[in-house]
Amino acid sequence: MKPRALIIALIASVALNLFLAGLIVGGVAVARRADELRPSVTAQNRTPLWRAGDALPQPKRRAYRQLVRQAGAEMRDDVRQSRAIRREAIAALEAEPFDAGAAAAEMSRARQMDTAARGRVEARIMTFAATLTPSERGVLAAGLRQAMAGQLREPPPRGERAPIAPKDR
């Protein structure tokens, strides 16, 4: 091969390698930026209800998790039935003739079942909290605030938008 052809091949190879390196670095930068913009569960400050007792002392933590696990098992059938009722009500939207009153009644029934199940779980948690010391109740309260962050947030006043959280840079 002639020296001139080797030099051209070398320059083309270097250019191609620089292009590929830039492509990789750009892809990594875009992926990191997209990850920063995606809201995460920790950014929303929410955890599952069973994790609300994580900071309790070990025996109390175990008892709390067992209570939540039992409550979940007991309400599982109600939740499944509620979801089935919702699916049927949504499917009724496509039926002819459409009975809006019946569909709304079914959705209301499903919501009442969900609310009753949630109420039973919350009542059991409050009964469990009565067995704790004041400092342990404070720890559980902090965990429940974190687990129920979305439900405890005050809605913005009518006609106003919710504030947008500042971006950490």
N, C-alpha and C. Protein backbone atom coordinates (compact mmCIF):
# COMPACT_ATOMS: atom_id res chain seq x y z
N MET A 1 0.83 -1.17 0.00
CA MET A 1 0.00 0.00 0.00
C MET A 1 0.88 1.25 0.00
N LYS A 2 0.47 2.25 -0.71
CA LYS A 2 1.23 3.49 -0.81
C LYS A 2 1.12 4.28 0.49
N PRO A 3 2.16 5.05 0.84
CA PRO A 3 2.14 5.83 2.07
C PRO A 3 0.97 6.84 2.11
N ARG A 4 0.62 7.39 0.97
CA ARG A 4 -0.48 8.35 0.93
C ARG A 4 -1.80 7.65 1.28
N ALA A 5 -2.04 6.45 0.79
CA ALA A 5 -3.26 5.70 1.10
C ALA A 5 -3.30 5.34 2.58
N LEU A 6 -2.14 5.02 3.18
CA LEU A 6 -2.08 4.70 4.60
C LEU A 6 -2.44 5.92 5.45
N ILE A 7 -1.95 7.08 5.03
CA ILE A 7 -2.25 8.31 5.77
C ILE A 7 -3.74 8.62 5.69
N ILE A 8 -4.34 8.45 4.55
CA ILE A 8 -5.78 8.70 4.38
C ILE A 8 -6.58 7.71 5.23
N ALA A 9 -6.18 6.44 5.23
CA ALA A 9 -6.86 5.42 6.03
C ALA A 9 -6.73 5.74 7.52
N LEU A 10 -5.54 6.20 7.94
CA LEU A 10 -5.32 6.55 9.33
C LEU A 10 -6.20 7.73 9.73
N ILE A 11 -6.27 8.74 8.91
CA ILE A 11 -7.11 9.92 9.19
C ILE A 11 -8.59 9.52 9.24
N ALA A 12 -9.02 8.67 8.32
CA ALA A 12 -10.41 8.21 8.32
C ALA A 12 -10.71 7.39 9.58
N SER A 13 -9.77 6.57 10.00
CA SER A 13 -9.94 5.76 11.20
C SER A 13 -10.04 6.64 12.44
N VAL A 14 -9.19 7.64 12.56
CA VAL A 14 -9.21 8.56 13.70
C VAL A 14 -10.54 9.32 13.72
N ALA A 15 -10.99 9.79 12.56
CA ALA A 15 -12.26 10.52 12.48
C ALA A 15 -13.42 9.63 12.90
N LEU A 16 -13.44 8.40 12.43
CA LEU A 16 -14.50 7.46 12.78
C LEU A 16 -14.47 7.17 14.28
N ASN A 17 -13.29 6.96 14.84
CA ASN A 17 -13.18 6.70 16.29
C ASN A 17 -13.63 7.91 17.11
N LEU A 18 -13.28 9.12 16.67
CA LEU A 18 -13.74 10.32 17.37
C LEU A 18 -15.26 10.44 17.29
N PHE A 19 -15.83 10.15 16.12
CA PHE A 19 -17.27 10.20 15.96
C PHE A 19 -17.94 9.21 16.91
N LEU A 20 -17.45 7.97 16.97
CA LEU A 20 -18.04 6.95 17.84
C LEU A 20 -17.88 7.31 19.31
N ALA A 21 -16.72 7.86 19.68
CA ALA A 21 -16.52 8.28 21.07
C ALA A 21 -17.49 9.40 21.44
N GLY A 22 -17.68 10.36 20.55
CA GLY A 22 -18.64 11.44 20.79
C GLY A 22 -20.06 10.92 20.90
N LEU A 23 -20.38 9.93 20.07
CA LEU A 23 -21.71 9.33 20.12
C LEU A 23 -21.95 8.66 21.47
N ILE A 24 -20.96 7.94 21.96
CA ILE A 24 -21.09 7.26 23.25
C ILE A 24 -21.20 8.27 24.39
N VAL A 25 -20.34 9.27 24.41
CA VAL A 25 -20.38 10.29 25.47
C VAL A 25 -21.71 11.05 25.42
N GLY A 26 -22.17 11.39 24.24
CA GLY A 26 -23.46 12.08 24.11
C GLY A 26 -24.60 11.22 24.59
N GLY A 27 -24.57 9.93 24.27
CA GLY A 27 -25.62 9.02 24.73
C GLY A 27 -25.66 8.91 26.24
N VAL A 28 -24.48 8.83 26.85
CA VAL A 28 -24.42 8.76 28.31
C VAL A 28 -24.95 10.05 28.93
N ALA A 29 -24.59 11.20 28.36
CA ALA A 29 -25.05 12.48 28.88
C ALA A 29 -26.57 12.61 28.76
N VAL A 30 -27.12 12.20 27.64
CA VAL A 30 -28.57 12.27 27.45
C VAL A 30 -29.27 11.33 28.41
N ALA A 31 -28.73 10.12 28.60
CA ALA A 31 -29.34 9.16 29.53
C ALA A 31 -29.33 9.69 30.96
N ARG A 32 -28.24 10.32 31.36
CA ARG A 32 -28.18 10.88 32.71
C ARG A 32 -29.18 12.01 32.87
N ARG A 33 -29.28 12.85 31.89
CA ARG A 33 -30.22 13.98 31.97
C ARG A 33 -31.66 13.48 32.02
N ALA A 34 -31.97 12.48 31.22
CA ALA A 34 -33.32 11.91 31.23
C ALA A 34 -33.61 11.28 32.58
N ASP A 35 -32.63 10.65 33.19
CA ASP A 35 -32.81 10.03 34.50
C ASP A 35 -33.05 11.10 35.57
N GLU A 36 -32.37 12.24 35.45
CA GLU A 36 -32.57 13.34 36.39
C GLU A 36 -33.97 13.92 36.27
N LEU A 37 -34.49 14.00 35.06
CA LEU A 37 -35.80 14.60 34.84
C LEU A 37 -36.95 13.67 35.21
N ARG A 38 -36.70 12.37 35.21
CA ARG A 38 -37.75 11.40 35.52
C ARG A 38 -38.02 11.43 37.02
N PRO A 39 -39.27 11.67 37.44
CA PRO A 39 -39.54 11.69 38.88
C PRO A 39 -39.42 10.27 39.44
N SER A 40 -38.71 10.16 40.52
CA SER A 40 -38.55 8.85 41.14
C SER A 40 -39.44 8.76 42.37
N VAL A 41 -39.60 7.56 42.87
CA VAL A 41 -40.41 7.35 44.07
C VAL A 41 -39.80 8.11 45.24
N THR A 42 -38.47 8.13 45.34
CA THR A 42 -37.87 8.86 46.44
C THR A 42 -38.07 10.36 46.27
N ALA A 43 -38.11 10.82 45.04
CA ALA A 43 -38.34 12.24 44.82
C ALA A 43 -39.75 12.62 45.24
N GLN A 44 -40.68 11.71 45.07
CA GLN A 44 -42.05 11.97 45.48
C GLN A 44 -42.21 11.71 46.97
N ASN A 45 -41.16 11.17 47.60
CA ASN A 45 -41.15 10.96 49.04
C ASN A 45 -42.25 10.00 49.47
N ARG A 46 -42.46 8.94 48.71
CA ARG A 46 -43.49 7.96 49.06
C ARG A 46 -42.85 6.59 49.22
N THR A 47 -43.36 5.85 50.18
CA THR A 47 -42.92 4.49 50.39
C THR A 47 -44.15 3.63 50.62
N PRO A 48 -44.02 2.32 50.47
CA PRO A 48 -45.16 1.46 50.77
C PRO A 48 -45.54 1.55 52.25
N LEU A 49 -46.80 1.28 52.54
CA LEU A 49 -47.31 1.37 53.90
C LEU A 49 -46.56 0.45 54.85
N TRP A 50 -46.18 -0.73 54.39
CA TRP A 50 -45.49 -1.67 55.27
C TRP A 50 -44.10 -1.18 55.66
N ARG A 51 -43.54 -0.22 54.91
CA ARG A 51 -42.22 0.32 55.23
C ARG A 51 -42.30 1.46 56.24
N ALA A 52 -43.52 1.87 56.61
CA ALA A 52 -43.67 2.98 57.55
C ALA A 52 -43.08 2.67 58.91
N GLY A 53 -42.96 1.41 59.26
CA GLY A 53 -42.42 1.02 60.56
C GLY A 53 -40.95 0.67 60.53
N ASP A 54 -40.25 0.98 59.44
CA ASP A 54 -38.83 0.60 59.32
C ASP A 54 -37.95 1.12 60.44
N ALA A 55 -38.25 2.27 60.98
CA ALA A 55 -37.39 2.86 62.01
C ALA A 55 -37.76 2.41 63.42
N LEU A 56 -38.79 1.59 63.56
CA LEU A 56 -39.16 1.08 64.88
C LEU A 56 -38.12 0.08 65.36
N PRO A 57 -38.04 -0.15 66.67
CA PRO A 57 -37.15 -1.20 67.18
C PRO A 57 -37.55 -2.55 66.58
N GLN A 58 -36.60 -3.45 66.46
CA GLN A 58 -36.80 -4.71 65.74
C GLN A 58 -38.07 -5.49 66.13
N PRO A 59 -38.35 -5.75 67.42
CA PRO A 59 -39.56 -6.54 67.72
C PRO A 59 -40.85 -5.82 67.29
N LYS A 60 -40.86 -4.51 67.48
CA LYS A 60 -42.05 -3.72 67.09
C LYS A 60 -42.17 -3.66 65.56
N ARG A 61 -41.02 -3.54 64.89
CA ARG A 61 -41.02 -3.51 63.43
C ARG A 61 -41.61 -4.81 62.88
N ARG A 62 -41.18 -5.92 63.44
CA ARG A 62 -41.66 -7.23 63.00
C ARG A 62 -43.17 -7.34 63.23
N ALA A 63 -43.63 -6.89 64.41
CA ALA A 63 -45.06 -6.94 64.72
C ALA A 63 -45.86 -6.04 63.78
N TYR A 64 -45.33 -4.85 63.48
CA TYR A 64 -46.02 -3.94 62.57
C TYR A 64 -46.14 -4.54 61.18
N ARG A 65 -45.04 -5.10 60.68
CA ARG A 65 -45.08 -5.69 59.34
C ARG A 65 -46.03 -6.88 59.29
N GLN A 66 -46.06 -7.67 60.35
CA GLN A 66 -46.98 -8.80 60.39
C GLN A 66 -48.42 -8.30 60.38
N LEU A 67 -48.70 -7.24 61.12
CA LEU A 67 -50.05 -6.66 61.15
C LEU A 67 -50.45 -6.18 59.75
N VAL A 68 -49.57 -5.47 59.07
CA VAL A 68 -49.89 -4.95 57.73
C VAL A 68 -50.06 -6.11 56.75
N ARG A 69 -49.21 -7.13 56.87
CA ARG A 69 -49.32 -8.30 56.00
C ARG A 69 -50.66 -9.01 56.21
N GLN A 70 -51.06 -9.20 57.47
CA GLN A 70 -52.34 -9.85 57.76
C GLN A 70 -53.51 -9.01 57.25
N ALA A 71 -53.44 -7.71 57.48
CA ALA A 71 -54.52 -6.82 57.01
C ALA A 71 -54.62 -6.87 55.49
N GLY A 72 -53.46 -6.90 54.82
CA GLY A 72 -53.47 -6.99 53.36
C GLY A 72 -54.08 -8.30 52.88
N ALA A 73 -53.76 -9.38 53.56
CA ALA A 73 -54.32 -10.68 53.17
C ALA A 73 -55.83 -10.71 53.39
N GLU A 74 -56.28 -10.09 54.49
CA GLU A 74 -57.71 -10.08 54.78
C GLU A 74 -58.50 -9.22 53.80
N MET A 75 -57.91 -8.16 53.29
CA MET A 75 -58.65 -7.27 52.39
C MET A 75 -58.44 -7.62 50.92
N ARG A 76 -57.59 -8.60 50.64
CA ARG A 76 -57.26 -8.96 49.26
C ARG A 76 -58.50 -9.30 48.44
N ASP A 77 -59.41 -10.09 49.00
CA ASP A 77 -60.61 -10.47 48.26
C ASP A 77 -61.50 -9.26 47.97
N ASP A 78 -61.62 -8.35 48.96
CA ASP A 78 -62.41 -7.14 48.74
C ASP A 78 -61.81 -6.28 47.64
N VAL A 79 -60.50 -6.16 47.62
CA VAL A 79 -59.83 -5.35 46.60
C VAL A 79 -60.01 -5.99 45.22
N ARG A 80 -59.87 -7.30 45.14
CA ARG A 80 -60.09 -7.98 43.86
C ARG A 80 -61.51 -7.80 43.38
N GLN A 81 -62.47 -7.93 44.29
CA GLN A 81 -63.87 -7.76 43.91
C GLN A 81 -64.12 -6.32 43.47
N SER A 82 -63.53 -5.36 44.17
CA SER A 82 -63.67 -3.95 43.80
C SER A 82 -63.13 -3.70 42.40
N ARG A 83 -61.97 -4.27 42.10
CA ARG A 83 -61.39 -4.09 40.77
C ARG A 83 -62.25 -4.75 39.69
N ALA A 84 -62.81 -5.91 40.01
CA ALA A 84 -63.69 -6.57 39.05
C ALA A 84 -64.93 -5.73 38.78
N ILE A 85 -65.48 -5.13 39.82
CA ILE A 85 -66.66 -4.26 39.65
C ILE A 85 -66.30 -3.06 38.79
N ARG A 86 -65.14 -2.47 39.01
CA ARG A 86 -64.69 -1.33 38.20
C ARG A 86 -64.53 -1.73 36.74
N ARG A 87 -63.91 -2.90 36.51
CA ARG A 87 -63.74 -3.36 35.12
C ARG A 87 -65.09 -3.54 34.44
N GLU A 88 -66.06 -4.09 35.16
CA GLU A 88 -67.40 -4.29 34.59
C GLU A 88 -68.06 -2.94 34.29
N ALA A 89 -67.90 -1.98 35.20
CA ALA A 89 -68.50 -0.65 34.99
C ALA A 89 -67.87 0.04 33.79
N ILE A 90 -66.56 -0.12 33.63
CA ILE A 90 -65.88 0.48 32.47
C ILE A 90 -66.30 -0.23 31.19
N ALA A 91 -66.44 -1.55 31.26
CA ALA A 91 -66.89 -2.30 30.08
C ALA A 91 -68.31 -1.89 29.70
N ALA A 92 -69.10 -1.49 30.68
CA ALA A 92 -70.48 -1.07 30.41
C ALA A 92 -70.53 0.20 29.57
N LEU A 93 -69.44 0.95 29.52
CA LEU A 93 -69.40 2.16 28.69
C LEU A 93 -69.59 1.82 27.21
N GLU A 94 -69.17 0.63 26.82
CA GLU A 94 -69.25 0.22 25.42
C GLU A 94 -70.55 -0.49 25.10
N ALA A 95 -71.35 -0.79 26.13
CA ALA A 95 -72.59 -1.55 25.91
C ALA A 95 -73.68 -0.65 25.37
N GLU A 96 -74.55 -1.24 24.61
CA GLU A 96 -75.74 -0.53 24.12
C GLU A 96 -76.96 -1.26 24.64
N PRO A 97 -77.88 -0.66 25.21
CA PRO A 97 -77.92 0.75 25.61
C PRO A 97 -77.08 0.96 26.86
N PHE A 98 -76.47 2.13 26.94
CA PHE A 98 -75.62 2.48 28.07
C PHE A 98 -76.47 3.03 29.20
N ASP A 99 -76.31 2.47 30.38
CA ASP A 99 -77.04 2.92 31.57
C ASP A 99 -76.05 3.65 32.49
N ALA A 100 -76.00 4.97 32.36
CA ALA A 100 -75.04 5.77 33.13
C ALA A 100 -75.29 5.64 34.62
N GLY A 101 -76.51 5.57 35.03
CA GLY A 101 -76.84 5.46 36.46
C GLY A 101 -76.32 4.16 37.06
N ALA A 102 -76.50 3.06 36.33
CA ALA A 102 -76.02 1.78 36.83
C ALA A 102 -74.49 1.74 36.88
N ALA A 103 -73.84 2.29 35.86
CA ALA A 103 -72.38 2.31 35.84
C ALA A 103 -71.84 3.18 36.99
N ALA A 104 -72.46 4.32 37.23
CA ALA A 104 -72.04 5.20 38.32
C ALA A 104 -72.26 4.52 39.67
N ALA A 105 -73.36 3.79 39.80
CA ALA A 105 -73.63 3.08 41.05
C ALA A 105 -72.59 1.99 41.29
N GLU A 106 -72.18 1.30 40.23
CA GLU A 106 -71.16 0.26 40.37
C GLU A 106 -69.81 0.87 40.75
N MET A 107 -69.46 1.99 40.13
CA MET A 107 -68.20 2.66 40.48
C MET A 107 -68.24 3.13 41.94
N SER A 108 -69.38 3.62 42.37
CA SER A 108 -69.54 4.06 43.76
C SER A 108 -69.41 2.87 44.71
N ARG A 109 -69.99 1.75 44.34
CA ARG A 109 -69.90 0.55 45.16
C ARG A 109 -68.44 0.09 45.28
N ALA A 110 -67.71 0.13 44.18
CA ALA A 110 -66.30 -0.25 44.20
C ALA A 110 -65.49 0.70 45.08
N ARG A 111 -65.77 1.98 44.98
CA ARG A 111 -65.07 2.98 45.80
C ARG A 111 -65.37 2.77 47.28
N GLN A 112 -66.62 2.45 47.62
CA GLN A 112 -66.97 2.19 49.01
C GLN A 112 -66.24 0.96 49.55
N MET A 113 -66.10 -0.06 48.70
CA MET A 113 -65.37 -1.26 49.13
C MET A 113 -63.91 -0.92 49.39
N ASP A 114 -63.31 -0.12 48.51
CA ASP A 114 -61.91 0.29 48.69
C ASP A 114 -61.75 1.10 49.98
N THR A 115 -62.65 2.04 50.19
CA THR A 115 -62.58 2.90 51.36
C THR A 115 -62.75 2.08 52.65
N ALA A 116 -63.67 1.14 52.64
CA ALA A 116 -63.88 0.29 53.82
C ALA A 116 -62.64 -0.55 54.10
N ALA A 117 -62.04 -1.11 53.06
CA ALA A 117 -60.83 -1.92 53.25
C ALA A 117 -59.70 -1.07 53.79
N ARG A 118 -59.50 0.11 53.22
CA ARG A 118 -58.45 1.01 53.69
C ARG A 118 -58.71 1.42 55.15
N GLY A 119 -59.96 1.66 55.46
CA GLY A 119 -60.33 2.03 56.82
C GLY A 119 -60.01 0.94 57.82
N ARG A 120 -60.24 -0.32 57.45
CA ARG A 120 -59.91 -1.44 58.35
C ARG A 120 -58.41 -1.51 58.60
N VAL A 121 -57.62 -1.32 57.55
CA VAL A 121 -56.16 -1.36 57.71
C VAL A 121 -55.71 -0.21 58.61
N GLU A 122 -56.21 0.99 58.35
CA GLU A 122 -55.81 2.14 59.15
C GLU A 122 -56.24 1.98 60.61
N ALA A 123 -57.42 1.40 60.85
CA ALA A 123 -57.87 1.16 62.22
C ALA A 123 -56.95 0.19 62.94
N ARG A 124 -56.50 -0.83 62.23
CA ARG A 124 -55.58 -1.80 62.85
C ARG A 124 -54.23 -1.15 63.15
N ILE A 125 -53.80 -0.25 62.28
CA ILE A 125 -52.53 0.45 62.54
C ILE A 125 -52.68 1.33 63.78
N MET A 126 -53.80 2.02 63.93
CA MET A 126 -54.01 2.88 65.09
C MET A 126 -54.10 2.04 66.37
N THR A 127 -54.72 0.87 66.29
CA THR A 127 -54.77 -0.02 67.45
C THR A 127 -53.37 -0.48 67.82
N PHE A 128 -52.56 -0.80 66.81
CA PHE A 128 -51.17 -1.18 67.06
C PHE A 128 -50.41 -0.02 67.68
N ALA A 129 -50.65 1.19 67.21
CA ALA A 129 -49.94 2.37 67.72
C ALA A 129 -50.22 2.58 69.20
N ALA A 130 -51.37 2.13 69.69
CA ALA A 130 -51.70 2.28 71.11
C ALA A 130 -50.78 1.44 71.98
N THR A 131 -50.12 0.43 71.40
CA THR A 131 -49.20 -0.42 72.17
C THR A 131 -47.78 0.14 72.21
N LEU A 132 -47.53 1.21 71.50
CA LEU A 132 -46.18 1.78 71.40
C LEU A 132 -45.95 2.86 72.45
N THR A 133 -44.69 3.13 72.72
CA THR A 133 -44.33 4.24 73.59
C THR A 133 -44.51 5.54 72.80
N PRO A 134 -44.56 6.68 73.48
CA PRO A 134 -44.72 7.95 72.75
C PRO A 134 -43.62 8.18 71.70
N SER A 135 -42.37 7.84 72.01
CA SER A 135 -41.31 8.04 71.02
C SER A 135 -41.48 7.09 69.84
N GLU A 136 -41.91 5.85 70.09
CA GLU A 136 -42.14 4.90 69.00
C GLU A 136 -43.33 5.35 68.14
N ARG A 137 -44.34 5.94 68.78
CA ARG A 137 -45.48 6.46 68.01
C ARG A 137 -45.02 7.60 67.10
N GLY A 138 -44.10 8.42 67.59
CA GLY A 138 -43.54 9.51 66.77
C GLY A 138 -42.81 8.96 65.56
N VAL A 139 -42.06 7.89 65.77
CA VAL A 139 -41.33 7.25 64.66
C VAL A 139 -42.33 6.69 63.65
N LEU A 140 -43.37 6.02 64.15
CA LEU A 140 -44.39 5.47 63.25
C LEU A 140 -45.13 6.59 62.52
N ALA A 141 -45.41 7.68 63.22
CA ALA A 141 -46.09 8.81 62.58
C ALA A 141 -45.26 9.37 61.43
N ALA A 142 -43.95 9.49 61.65
CA ALA A 142 -43.08 9.99 60.58
C ALA A 142 -43.08 9.04 59.39
N GLY A 143 -43.06 7.74 59.66
CA GLY A 143 -43.11 6.76 58.58
C GLY A 143 -44.42 6.80 57.83
N LEU A 144 -45.52 6.97 58.56
CA LEU A 144 -46.84 7.05 57.91
C LEU A 144 -46.96 8.33 57.08
N ARG A 145 -46.39 9.43 57.58
CA ARG A 145 -46.41 10.67 56.78
C ARG A 145 -45.71 10.47 55.44
N GLN A 146 -44.60 9.76 55.49
CA GLN A 146 -43.85 9.51 54.26
C GLN A 146 -44.62 8.56 53.36
N ALA A 147 -45.21 7.52 53.94
CA ALA A 147 -45.95 6.53 53.14
C ALA A 147 -47.22 7.12 52.54
N MET A 148 -47.81 8.07 53.22
CA MET A 148 -49.08 8.64 52.76
C MET A 148 -48.91 10.07 52.27
N ALA A 149 -47.71 10.41 51.81
CA ALA A 149 -47.41 11.79 51.43
C ALA A 149 -48.41 12.35 50.43
N GLY A 150 -48.76 11.58 49.44
CA GLY A 150 -49.69 12.07 48.42
C GLY A 150 -51.08 12.30 48.96
N GLN A 151 -51.50 11.48 49.91
CA GLN A 151 -52.85 11.60 50.47
C GLN A 151 -52.94 12.72 51.49
N LEU A 152 -51.82 13.10 52.09
CA LEU A 152 -51.83 14.12 53.14
C LEU A 152 -51.57 15.52 52.62
N ARG A 153 -51.14 15.62 51.36
CA ARG A 153 -50.80 16.92 50.78
C ARG A 153 -52.07 17.76 50.62
N GLU A 154 -51.96 19.02 50.99
CA GLU A 154 -53.07 19.96 50.83
C GLU A 154 -53.23 20.30 49.36
N PRO A 155 -54.45 20.26 48.85
CA PRO A 155 -54.63 20.68 47.45
C PRO A 155 -54.44 22.18 47.34
N PRO A 156 -54.01 22.65 46.16
CA PRO A 156 -53.84 24.10 46.00
C PRO A 156 -55.20 24.78 46.06
N PRO A 157 -55.22 26.05 46.47
CA PRO A 157 -56.49 26.78 46.49
C PRO A 157 -57.13 26.79 45.11
N ARG A 158 -58.41 26.87 45.09
CA ARG A 158 -59.16 26.84 43.83
C ARG A 158 -58.67 27.93 42.89
N GLY A 159 -58.42 27.54 41.65
CA GLY A 159 -57.97 28.47 40.64
C GLY A 159 -56.47 28.65 40.59
N GLU A 160 -55.74 28.02 41.50
CA GLU A 160 -54.29 28.13 41.49
C GLU A 160 -53.68 26.79 41.11
N ARG A 161 -52.52 26.86 40.54
CA ARG A 161 -51.80 25.64 40.18
C ARG A 161 -50.94 25.19 41.35
N ALA A 162 -50.67 23.90 41.36
CA ALA A 162 -49.76 23.38 42.38
C ALA A 162 -48.36 23.89 42.08
N PRO A 163 -47.59 24.25 43.11
CA PRO A 163 -46.24 24.75 42.86
C PRO A 163 -45.36 23.66 42.25
N ILE A 164 -44.47 24.05 41.39
CA ILE A 164 -43.54 23.13 40.77
C ILE A 164 -42.28 23.13 41.62
N ALA A 165 -41.85 21.92 42.01
CA ALA A 165 -40.67 21.81 42.86
C ALA A 165 -39.44 22.28 42.08
N PRO A 166 -38.54 23.01 42.77
CA PRO A 166 -37.32 23.47 42.07
C PRO A 166 -36.43 22.28 41.74
N LYS A 167 -35.72 22.40 40.64
CA LYS A 167 -34.81 21.34 40.22
C LYS A 167 -33.51 21.47 41.00
N ASP A 168 -33.02 20.34 41.48
CA ASP A 168 -31.70 20.33 42.14
C ASP A 168 -30.64 20.26 41.08
N ARG A 169 -29.69 21.14 41.15
CA ARG A 169 -28.63 21.12 40.15
C ARG A 169 -27.33 20.91 40.78
